[in-house]
């Protein structure tokens, strides 16, 4: 099983059995993505997961409501704005967010959250950026 398959399996599990609402889904998503840069987008009731590291791609086989994916993107925007106020719009942008894990992790994100396009890129920042913060 390749890394993208393992990650999409973990994401599938998080999406199928959310326990803490949208906040929990985003926490699970960020935990899964700490090792690899990913792009997620919503198309035709499915979430497509693409590795930005090796180019592999998978489609999660369980339907995901557009409203849920858009809520995930809105949560990402809120996290970016916690780190740097007004750095992104709820409808998209590029920014950074901090995850309070041990050790803390920073992600660079780019996303679109409009009626026509829903996508998210998550890139773990190098460890040296976390230490300097």
N, C-alpha and C. Protein backbone atom coordinates (compact mmCIF):
# COMPACT_ATOMS: atom_id res chain seq x y z
N UNK A 1 0.85 -1.17 0.00
CA UNK A 1 0.00 0.00 0.00
C UNK A 1 0.89 1.24 0.00
N UNK A 2 0.62 2.18 -0.91
CA UNK A 2 1.45 3.38 -0.94
C UNK A 2 1.02 4.36 0.14
N UNK A 3 1.83 5.40 0.31
CA UNK A 3 1.57 6.36 1.37
C UNK A 3 0.24 7.07 1.17
N UNK A 4 -0.09 7.42 -0.07
CA UNK A 4 -1.37 8.09 -0.32
C UNK A 4 -2.53 7.17 0.05
N UNK A 5 -2.42 5.87 -0.22
CA UNK A 5 -3.46 4.93 0.17
C UNK A 5 -3.62 4.88 1.67
N UNK A 6 -2.51 4.90 2.40
CA UNK A 6 -2.57 4.89 3.86
C UNK A 6 -3.23 6.18 4.37
N UNK A 7 -2.83 7.29 3.80
CA UNK A 7 -3.40 8.57 4.22
C UNK A 7 -4.87 8.65 3.86
N UNK A 8 -5.25 8.25 2.64
CA UNK A 8 -6.66 8.31 2.28
C UNK A 8 -7.47 7.35 3.13
N UNK A 9 -6.89 6.23 3.55
CA UNK A 9 -7.58 5.32 4.47
C UNK A 9 -7.85 5.98 5.81
N UNK A 10 -6.86 6.71 6.32
CA UNK A 10 -7.03 7.42 7.58
C UNK A 10 -8.06 8.54 7.43
N UNK A 11 -8.03 9.25 6.30
CA UNK A 11 -9.03 10.30 6.05
C UNK A 11 -10.42 9.71 5.92
N UNK A 12 -10.53 8.60 5.20
CA UNK A 12 -11.82 7.94 5.03
C UNK A 12 -12.40 7.59 6.40
N UNK A 13 -11.56 7.05 7.27
CA UNK A 13 -12.00 6.69 8.61
C UNK A 13 -12.48 7.92 9.38
N UNK A 14 -11.73 9.00 9.29
CA UNK A 14 -12.11 10.24 9.99
C UNK A 14 -13.43 10.79 9.46
N UNK A 15 -13.62 10.76 8.13
CA UNK A 15 -14.84 11.29 7.53
C UNK A 15 -16.05 10.41 7.84
N UNK A 16 -15.84 9.09 7.92
CA UNK A 16 -16.95 8.17 8.17
C UNK A 16 -17.40 8.17 9.62
N UNK A 17 -16.45 8.39 10.54
CA UNK A 17 -16.78 8.32 11.95
C UNK A 17 -16.32 9.57 12.70
N UNK A 18 -16.85 10.73 12.30
CA UNK A 18 -16.44 11.95 13.02
C UNK A 18 -16.99 11.92 14.44
N UNK A 19 -16.16 12.29 15.38
CA UNK A 19 -16.58 12.24 16.77
C UNK A 19 -16.66 13.63 17.40
N UNK A 20 -16.01 14.61 16.77
CA UNK A 20 -15.96 15.94 17.36
C UNK A 20 -16.36 17.01 16.36
N UNK A 21 -17.28 16.71 15.47
CA UNK A 21 -17.76 17.69 14.51
C UNK A 21 -16.68 18.14 13.54
N UNK A 22 -16.88 19.31 12.96
CA UNK A 22 -15.96 19.85 11.96
C UNK A 22 -14.59 20.12 12.58
N UNK A 23 -14.56 20.61 13.82
CA UNK A 23 -13.28 20.87 14.48
C UNK A 23 -12.47 19.58 14.57
N UNK A 24 -13.12 18.50 14.97
CA UNK A 24 -12.45 17.20 15.05
C UNK A 24 -12.00 16.69 13.70
N UNK A 25 -12.84 16.88 12.68
CA UNK A 25 -12.45 16.46 11.32
C UNK A 25 -11.18 17.18 10.87
N UNK A 26 -11.12 18.49 11.10
CA UNK A 26 -9.94 19.25 10.70
C UNK A 26 -8.73 18.83 11.53
N UNK A 27 -8.90 18.62 12.82
CA UNK A 27 -7.79 18.13 13.65
C UNK A 27 -7.27 16.80 13.12
N UNK A 28 -8.18 15.88 12.79
CA UNK A 28 -7.78 14.58 12.25
C UNK A 28 -7.08 14.74 10.91
N UNK A 29 -7.60 15.61 10.06
CA UNK A 29 -6.99 15.87 8.76
C UNK A 29 -5.56 16.38 8.92
N UNK A 30 -5.37 17.33 9.81
CA UNK A 30 -4.03 17.89 10.01
C UNK A 30 -3.08 16.86 10.61
N UNK A 31 -3.58 16.03 11.50
CA UNK A 31 -2.74 14.98 12.08
C UNK A 31 -2.28 14.00 11.00
N UNK A 32 -3.18 13.64 10.11
CA UNK A 32 -2.85 12.70 9.04
C UNK A 32 -1.83 13.30 8.07
N UNK A 33 -1.92 14.61 7.85
CA UNK A 33 -1.10 15.27 6.82
C UNK A 33 0.24 15.79 7.32
N UNK A 34 0.64 15.48 8.52
CA UNK A 34 1.89 16.03 9.04
C UNK A 34 3.12 15.50 8.32
N UNK A 35 3.02 14.36 7.66
CA UNK A 35 4.18 13.76 7.01
C UNK A 35 4.26 14.02 5.52
N UNK A 36 3.17 14.46 4.90
CA UNK A 36 3.14 14.55 3.45
C UNK A 36 2.26 15.72 2.99
N UNK A 37 2.71 16.42 1.97
CA UNK A 37 1.92 17.50 1.39
C UNK A 37 0.78 16.90 0.57
N UNK A 38 -0.43 17.40 0.79
CA UNK A 38 -1.60 16.85 0.10
C UNK A 38 -2.46 17.94 -0.49
N UNK A 39 -3.19 17.57 -1.52
CA UNK A 39 -4.24 18.41 -2.08
C UNK A 39 -5.53 17.61 -1.99
N UNK A 40 -6.57 18.23 -1.47
CA UNK A 40 -7.89 17.61 -1.42
C UNK A 40 -8.84 18.51 -2.20
N UNK A 41 -9.71 17.92 -2.97
CA UNK A 41 -10.76 18.71 -3.60
C UNK A 41 -12.03 17.90 -3.67
N UNK A 42 -13.13 18.61 -3.73
CA UNK A 42 -14.44 18.00 -3.75
C UNK A 42 -14.98 18.06 -5.16
N UNK A 43 -15.36 16.89 -5.69
CA UNK A 43 -15.96 16.81 -7.02
C UNK A 43 -16.99 15.70 -7.03
N UNK A 44 -18.16 16.00 -7.49
CA UNK A 44 -19.22 15.01 -7.67
C UNK A 44 -19.44 14.15 -6.44
N UNK A 45 -19.62 14.79 -5.29
CA UNK A 45 -19.89 14.12 -4.02
C UNK A 45 -18.76 13.23 -3.53
N UNK A 46 -17.57 13.43 -4.00
CA UNK A 46 -16.42 12.64 -3.57
C UNK A 46 -15.26 13.58 -3.24
N UNK A 47 -14.41 13.12 -2.34
CA UNK A 47 -13.21 13.87 -1.99
C UNK A 47 -12.04 13.19 -2.69
N UNK A 48 -11.34 13.95 -3.52
CA UNK A 48 -10.17 13.44 -4.23
C UNK A 48 -8.94 13.86 -3.43
N UNK A 49 -8.03 12.92 -3.20
CA UNK A 49 -6.81 13.17 -2.43
C UNK A 49 -5.63 12.94 -3.36
N UNK A 50 -4.77 13.97 -3.46
CA UNK A 50 -3.59 13.86 -4.32
C UNK A 50 -2.36 14.23 -3.50
N UNK A 51 -1.34 13.40 -3.61
CA UNK A 51 -0.08 13.69 -2.94
C UNK A 51 0.67 14.73 -3.75
N UNK A 52 1.07 15.82 -3.11
CA UNK A 52 1.90 16.81 -3.77
C UNK A 52 3.37 16.41 -3.72
N UNK A 53 3.65 15.34 -3.00
CA UNK A 53 5.01 14.83 -2.87
C UNK A 53 5.35 13.90 -4.04
N UNK A 54 4.48 12.91 -4.31
CA UNK A 54 4.79 11.94 -5.37
C UNK A 54 3.78 11.92 -6.51
N UNK A 55 2.74 12.73 -6.45
CA UNK A 55 1.78 12.83 -7.55
C UNK A 55 0.71 11.76 -7.57
N UNK A 56 0.74 10.81 -6.63
CA UNK A 56 -0.28 9.77 -6.63
C UNK A 56 -1.63 10.37 -6.24
N UNK A 57 -2.70 9.69 -6.66
CA UNK A 57 -4.04 10.24 -6.45
C UNK A 57 -5.02 9.12 -6.14
N UNK A 58 -5.97 9.43 -5.26
CA UNK A 58 -7.05 8.51 -4.93
C UNK A 58 -8.33 9.29 -4.74
N UNK A 59 -9.45 8.62 -4.94
CA UNK A 59 -10.75 9.20 -4.66
C UNK A 59 -11.33 8.42 -3.49
N UNK A 60 -11.73 9.12 -2.44
CA UNK A 60 -12.36 8.45 -1.31
C UNK A 60 -13.68 7.89 -1.79
N UNK A 61 -13.92 6.62 -1.53
CA UNK A 61 -15.08 5.95 -2.10
C UNK A 61 -16.39 6.22 -1.37
N UNK A 62 -16.37 6.88 -0.25
CA UNK A 62 -17.59 7.23 0.46
C UNK A 62 -18.02 8.64 0.06
N UNK A 63 -19.30 8.85 -0.15
CA UNK A 63 -19.76 10.21 -0.46
C UNK A 63 -19.44 11.18 0.68
N UNK A 64 -19.13 12.37 0.33
CA UNK A 64 -18.88 13.44 1.29
C UNK A 64 -19.72 14.62 0.85
N UNK A 65 -20.58 15.07 1.73
CA UNK A 65 -21.44 16.19 1.37
C UNK A 65 -20.61 17.45 1.13
N UNK A 66 -21.00 18.19 0.12
CA UNK A 66 -20.32 19.44 -0.21
C UNK A 66 -20.31 20.38 0.99
N UNK A 67 -21.40 20.42 1.73
CA UNK A 67 -21.48 21.32 2.89
C UNK A 67 -20.44 20.95 3.95
N UNK A 68 -20.16 19.68 4.11
CA UNK A 68 -19.16 19.24 5.08
C UNK A 68 -17.77 19.68 4.62
N UNK A 69 -17.48 19.49 3.35
CA UNK A 69 -16.17 19.88 2.83
C UNK A 69 -15.99 21.40 2.94
N UNK A 70 -17.04 22.14 2.63
CA UNK A 70 -16.97 23.61 2.75
C UNK A 70 -16.80 24.04 4.20
N UNK A 71 -17.40 23.32 5.14
CA UNK A 71 -17.21 23.63 6.56
C UNK A 71 -15.77 23.36 6.99
N UNK A 72 -15.17 22.31 6.46
CA UNK A 72 -13.75 22.03 6.72
C UNK A 72 -12.89 23.19 6.23
N UNK A 73 -13.18 23.67 5.03
CA UNK A 73 -12.41 24.80 4.47
C UNK A 73 -12.61 26.07 5.30
N UNK A 74 -13.81 26.30 5.79
CA UNK A 74 -14.06 27.47 6.63
C UNK A 74 -13.28 27.37 7.94
N UNK A 75 -13.18 26.17 8.50
CA UNK A 75 -12.39 25.97 9.72
C UNK A 75 -10.91 26.24 9.46
N UNK A 76 -10.42 25.81 8.31
CA UNK A 76 -9.02 26.09 7.95
C UNK A 76 -8.80 27.60 7.87
N UNK A 77 -9.74 28.32 7.29
CA UNK A 77 -9.63 29.78 7.21
C UNK A 77 -9.58 30.39 8.62
N UNK A 78 -10.41 29.90 9.51
CA UNK A 78 -10.42 30.42 10.88
C UNK A 78 -9.08 30.17 11.57
N UNK A 79 -8.49 28.99 11.35
CA UNK A 79 -7.20 28.68 11.95
C UNK A 79 -6.09 29.57 11.38
N UNK A 80 -6.14 29.83 10.09
CA UNK A 80 -5.15 30.74 9.48
C UNK A 80 -5.28 32.14 10.09
N UNK A 81 -6.50 32.59 10.28
CA UNK A 81 -6.73 33.93 10.83
C UNK A 81 -6.42 34.01 12.32
N UNK A 82 -6.44 32.88 13.02
CA UNK A 82 -5.98 32.87 14.41
C UNK A 82 -4.48 33.14 14.47
N UNK A 83 -3.76 32.56 13.54
CA UNK A 83 -2.30 32.72 13.50
C UNK A 83 -1.91 34.14 13.07
N UNK A 84 -2.58 34.63 12.02
CA UNK A 84 -2.33 35.98 11.52
C UNK A 84 -3.68 36.57 11.12
N UNK A 85 -4.22 37.48 11.93
CA UNK A 85 -5.55 38.02 11.67
C UNK A 85 -5.70 38.59 10.26
N UNK A 86 -6.85 38.30 9.67
CA UNK A 86 -7.22 38.77 8.34
C UNK A 86 -6.26 38.34 7.23
N UNK A 87 -5.59 37.21 7.42
CA UNK A 87 -4.64 36.74 6.40
C UNK A 87 -5.34 36.05 5.24
N UNK A 88 -6.53 35.49 5.47
CA UNK A 88 -7.28 34.83 4.40
C UNK A 88 -8.76 35.19 4.54
N UNK A 89 -9.48 34.98 3.48
CA UNK A 89 -10.93 35.15 3.46
C UNK A 89 -11.56 33.78 3.70
N UNK A 90 -12.79 33.72 4.17
CA UNK A 90 -13.47 32.42 4.28
C UNK A 90 -13.63 31.73 2.92
N UNK A 91 -13.47 32.51 1.84
CA UNK A 91 -13.66 31.97 0.48
C UNK A 91 -12.37 31.54 -0.20
N UNK A 92 -11.24 31.74 0.48
CA UNK A 92 -10.00 31.27 -0.09
C UNK A 92 -8.82 32.14 0.26
N UNK A 93 -7.68 31.67 -0.13
CA UNK A 93 -6.44 32.40 0.09
C UNK A 93 -5.30 31.47 0.40
N UNK A 94 -4.19 32.08 0.81
CA UNK A 94 -2.99 31.35 1.18
C UNK A 94 -2.56 31.85 2.55
N UNK A 95 -2.18 30.95 3.41
CA UNK A 95 -1.75 31.34 4.74
C UNK A 95 -1.05 30.21 5.45
N UNK A 96 -0.92 30.37 6.75
CA UNK A 96 -0.31 29.36 7.60
C UNK A 96 -1.22 29.13 8.79
N UNK A 97 -1.15 27.92 9.32
CA UNK A 97 -1.86 27.62 10.55
C UNK A 97 -0.96 26.81 11.45
N UNK A 98 -1.17 26.95 12.74
CA UNK A 98 -0.38 26.27 13.76
C UNK A 98 -1.23 25.19 14.40
N UNK A 99 -0.65 24.00 14.53
CA UNK A 99 -1.32 22.90 15.19
C UNK A 99 -0.61 22.67 16.52
N UNK A 100 -1.36 22.71 17.59
CA UNK A 100 -0.77 22.57 18.93
C UNK A 100 -0.57 21.10 19.28
N UNK A 101 0.31 20.46 18.55
CA UNK A 101 0.66 19.08 18.85
C UNK A 101 1.98 19.09 19.60
N UNK A 102 2.48 17.94 19.96
CA UNK A 102 3.78 17.86 20.61
C UNK A 102 4.70 17.04 19.73
N UNK A 103 5.60 17.67 19.01
CA UNK A 103 5.89 19.11 18.96
C UNK A 103 4.86 19.84 18.08
N UNK A 104 4.76 21.17 18.23
CA UNK A 104 3.84 21.95 17.40
C UNK A 104 4.20 21.82 15.92
N UNK A 105 3.20 21.98 15.07
CA UNK A 105 3.41 21.88 13.62
C UNK A 105 2.77 23.08 12.94
N UNK A 106 3.43 23.54 11.90
CA UNK A 106 2.90 24.62 11.07
C UNK A 106 2.62 24.05 9.69
N UNK A 107 1.49 24.45 9.13
CA UNK A 107 1.14 24.08 7.77
C UNK A 107 1.02 25.34 6.94
N UNK A 108 1.51 25.27 5.74
CA UNK A 108 1.21 26.29 4.74
C UNK A 108 -0.01 25.77 4.00
N UNK A 109 -0.98 26.62 3.81
CA UNK A 109 -2.21 26.19 3.15
C UNK A 109 -2.57 27.13 2.02
N UNK A 110 -3.22 26.58 1.03
CA UNK A 110 -3.85 27.34 -0.05
C UNK A 110 -5.20 26.67 -0.26
N UNK A 111 -6.24 27.48 -0.36
CA UNK A 111 -7.56 26.87 -0.50
C UNK A 111 -8.50 27.80 -1.26
N UNK A 112 -9.54 27.17 -1.79
CA UNK A 112 -10.65 27.89 -2.43
C UNK A 112 -11.93 27.30 -1.85
N UNK A 113 -12.87 28.17 -1.49
CA UNK A 113 -14.12 27.74 -0.89
C UNK A 113 -15.25 28.58 -1.47
N UNK A 114 -15.50 28.38 -2.76
CA UNK A 114 -16.56 29.11 -3.45
C UNK A 114 -17.60 28.11 -3.94
N UNK A 115 -18.69 28.62 -4.47
CA UNK A 115 -19.72 27.71 -4.97
C UNK A 115 -19.22 26.88 -6.15
N UNK A 116 -18.25 27.42 -6.90
CA UNK A 116 -17.72 26.71 -8.08
C UNK A 116 -16.52 25.83 -7.80
N UNK A 117 -15.80 26.10 -6.73
CA UNK A 117 -14.55 25.38 -6.49
C UNK A 117 -14.32 25.20 -4.99
N UNK A 118 -13.98 23.95 -4.63
CA UNK A 118 -13.62 23.64 -3.25
C UNK A 118 -12.35 22.78 -3.29
N UNK A 119 -11.25 23.37 -2.80
CA UNK A 119 -10.00 22.61 -2.77
C UNK A 119 -9.14 23.11 -1.61
N UNK A 120 -8.22 22.25 -1.21
CA UNK A 120 -7.34 22.55 -0.09
C UNK A 120 -5.99 21.92 -0.35
N UNK A 121 -4.93 22.70 -0.22
CA UNK A 121 -3.56 22.19 -0.25
C UNK A 121 -2.96 22.38 1.12
N UNK A 122 -2.40 21.31 1.66
CA UNK A 122 -1.75 21.33 2.97
C UNK A 122 -0.29 20.94 2.81
N UNK A 123 0.59 21.82 3.20
CA UNK A 123 2.02 21.56 3.10
C UNK A 123 2.65 21.74 4.48
N UNK A 124 3.13 20.66 5.08
CA UNK A 124 3.80 20.81 6.38
C UNK A 124 5.03 21.70 6.20
N UNK A 125 5.17 22.69 7.07
CA UNK A 125 6.32 23.58 7.02
C UNK A 125 7.53 22.89 7.64
N UNK A 126 8.72 23.26 7.23
CA UNK A 126 9.92 22.67 7.84
C UNK A 126 9.95 22.91 9.35
N UNK A 127 10.52 21.97 10.06
CA UNK A 127 10.56 22.04 11.53
C UNK A 127 11.22 23.31 12.03
N UNK A 128 12.18 23.85 11.29
CA UNK A 128 12.88 25.06 11.75
C UNK A 128 11.93 26.24 11.85
N UNK A 129 10.87 26.29 11.04
CA UNK A 129 9.89 27.37 11.12
C UNK A 129 9.09 27.31 12.41
N UNK A 130 8.82 26.11 12.88
CA UNK A 130 8.05 25.94 14.10
C UNK A 130 8.86 26.41 15.29
N UNK A 131 10.13 26.10 15.33
CA UNK A 131 10.99 26.47 16.45
C UNK A 131 11.11 27.98 16.55
N UNK A 132 11.20 28.69 15.43
CA UNK A 132 11.39 30.13 15.43
C UNK A 132 10.16 30.89 15.89
N UNK A 133 8.99 30.29 15.87
CA UNK A 133 7.74 30.99 16.18
C UNK A 133 7.62 31.35 17.63
